[in-house]
Amino acid sequence: MMEVMEGKCVAHFAGSRSDEHLRAELLAFWSRHPGDRFTVGVISYAIDHSKLELNKALKLLAEAGIVNASTHGDLIFYNLTADEAKRRSVLDLSVVGQDSLQSHR
């Protein structure tokens, strides 16, 4: 039951806000780098979105428990949650995200 609820949390993030393309890219990004930590600047460079857009989206992901944010000095690093149900949901949704990205190009 909890796994279904966790999947709904990720699906809610993936389908409830206005910038669907950015959400799909972020979920696809985390599915490609599930064990890595990145700053907003690195993510911005990797998926070609502004830091302002990413800060908003990453805040939503952190509030949903999909990513963790940790501060080291002046930098904030983000990584995919260790919660297995949420990680699995991101990895499962990555297929949908990749399909969405393909249709936008």
Protein backbone atom coordinates (compact mmCIF):
# COMPACT_ATOMS: atom_id res chain seq x y z
CA MET A 1 0.00 0.00 0.00
CA MET A 2 2.80 2.43 0.92
CA GLU A 3 4.53 1.77 -2.42
CA VAL A 4 1.36 2.77 -4.28
CA MET A 5 1.18 5.99 -2.25
CA GLU A 6 4.85 6.75 -2.98
CA GLY A 7 4.28 6.17 -6.70
CA LYS A 8 1.33 8.55 -6.63
CA CYS A 9 3.57 11.19 -5.03
CA VAL A 10 6.05 10.97 -7.92
CA ALA A 11 3.24 10.79 -10.47
CA HIS A 12 1.68 13.89 -8.86
CA PHE A 13 4.94 15.80 -9.34
CA ALA A 14 5.20 14.51 -12.89
CA GLY A 15 1.70 15.58 -13.89
CA SER A 16 0.43 18.44 -11.75
CA ARG A 17 2.49 21.57 -12.50
CA SER A 18 2.65 23.82 -15.54
CA ASP A 19 6.08 22.98 -16.95
CA GLU A 20 5.59 19.39 -18.04
CA HIS A 21 8.71 19.32 -20.22
CA LEU A 22 11.01 20.36 -17.35
CA ARG A 23 9.45 17.81 -15.03
CA ALA A 24 9.96 15.05 -17.57
CA GLU A 25 13.57 16.11 -18.07
CA LEU A 26 14.29 16.18 -14.34
CA LEU A 27 12.79 12.75 -13.76
CA ALA A 28 14.73 11.38 -16.73
CA PHE A 29 17.90 13.07 -15.42
CA TRP A 30 17.54 11.45 -11.99
CA SER A 31 16.81 8.08 -13.58
CA ARG A 32 20.13 8.32 -15.44
CA HIS A 33 22.02 9.43 -12.30
CA PRO A 34 20.26 7.74 -9.37
CA GLY A 35 23.36 7.57 -7.16
CA ASP A 36 24.93 10.95 -7.89
CA ARG A 37 24.76 14.41 -6.29
CA PHE A 38 24.61 17.63 -8.29
CA THR A 39 24.33 21.38 -7.81
CA VAL A 40 21.66 23.40 -9.60
CA GLY A 41 24.38 24.79 -11.88
CA VAL A 42 25.44 21.35 -13.06
CA ILE A 43 21.84 20.23 -13.59
CA SER A 44 21.13 23.49 -15.44
CA TYR A 45 24.03 22.84 -17.78
CA ALA A 46 23.11 19.16 -18.28
CA ILE A 47 19.45 19.69 -19.20
CA ASP A 48 19.66 23.27 -20.53
CA HIS A 49 17.18 25.01 -18.24
CA SER A 50 17.63 28.15 -16.17
CA LYS A 51 18.67 27.90 -12.55
CA LEU A 52 15.51 29.79 -11.56
CA GLU A 53 13.26 27.19 -13.23
CA LEU A 54 15.27 24.36 -11.70
CA ASN A 55 15.26 25.85 -8.20
CA LYS A 56 11.46 25.88 -8.24
CA ALA A 57 11.19 22.34 -9.58
CA LEU A 58 13.87 20.97 -7.24
CA LYS A 59 12.12 22.57 -4.28
CA LEU A 60 8.94 20.70 -5.25
CA LEU A 61 10.89 17.47 -5.63
CA ALA A 62 12.49 17.96 -2.22
CA GLU A 63 9.13 18.73 -0.59
CA ALA A 64 7.73 15.55 -2.14
CA GLY A 65 10.68 13.57 -0.77
CA ILE A 66 11.86 12.58 -4.23
CA VAL A 67 15.25 14.30 -3.89
CA ASN A 68 17.35 15.28 -0.91
CA ALA A 69 19.05 18.63 -0.60
CA SER A 70 22.24 19.00 1.42
CA THR A 71 24.38 22.07 1.95
CA HIS A 72 28.17 21.94 1.79
CA GLY A 73 29.69 25.36 2.29
CA ASP A 74 27.81 27.74 0.02
CA LEU A 75 26.60 25.02 -2.33
CA ILE A 76 23.40 22.99 -2.24
CA PHE A 77 23.69 19.47 -3.63
CA TYR A 78 20.70 17.41 -4.74
CA ASN A 79 20.47 13.66 -4.98
CA LEU A 80 17.72 11.14 -5.56
CA THR A 81 16.14 9.88 -2.35
CA ALA A 82 17.27 6.64 -0.76
CA ASP A 83 13.61 5.68 -0.25
CA GLU A 84 13.34 2.59 -2.46
CA ALA A 85 9.66 3.03 -3.36
CA LYS A 86 10.19 6.62 -4.51
CA ARG A 87 13.39 5.70 -6.37
CA ARG A 88 11.55 2.88 -8.15
CA SER A 89 8.78 5.28 -9.11
CA VAL A 90 11.29 7.69 -10.65
CA LEU A 91 13.00 4.88 -12.53
CA ASP A 92 9.62 3.59 -13.76
CA LEU A 93 8.49 7.05 -14.83
CA SER A 94 11.73 7.65 -16.70
CA VAL A 95 10.40 5.60 -19.60
CA VAL A 96 7.40 7.92 -19.79
CA GLY A 97 9.70 10.93 -19.46
CA GLN A 98 11.90 9.77 -22.32
CA ASP A 99 8.83 9.24 -24.51
CA SER A 100 7.60 12.74 -23.64
CA LEU A 101 10.98 14.29 -24.48
CA GLN A 102 11.09 12.48 -27.82
CA SER A 103 7.68 13.88 -28.78
CA HIS A 104 8.78 17.47 -27.98
CA ARG A 105 11.86 17.39 -30.22
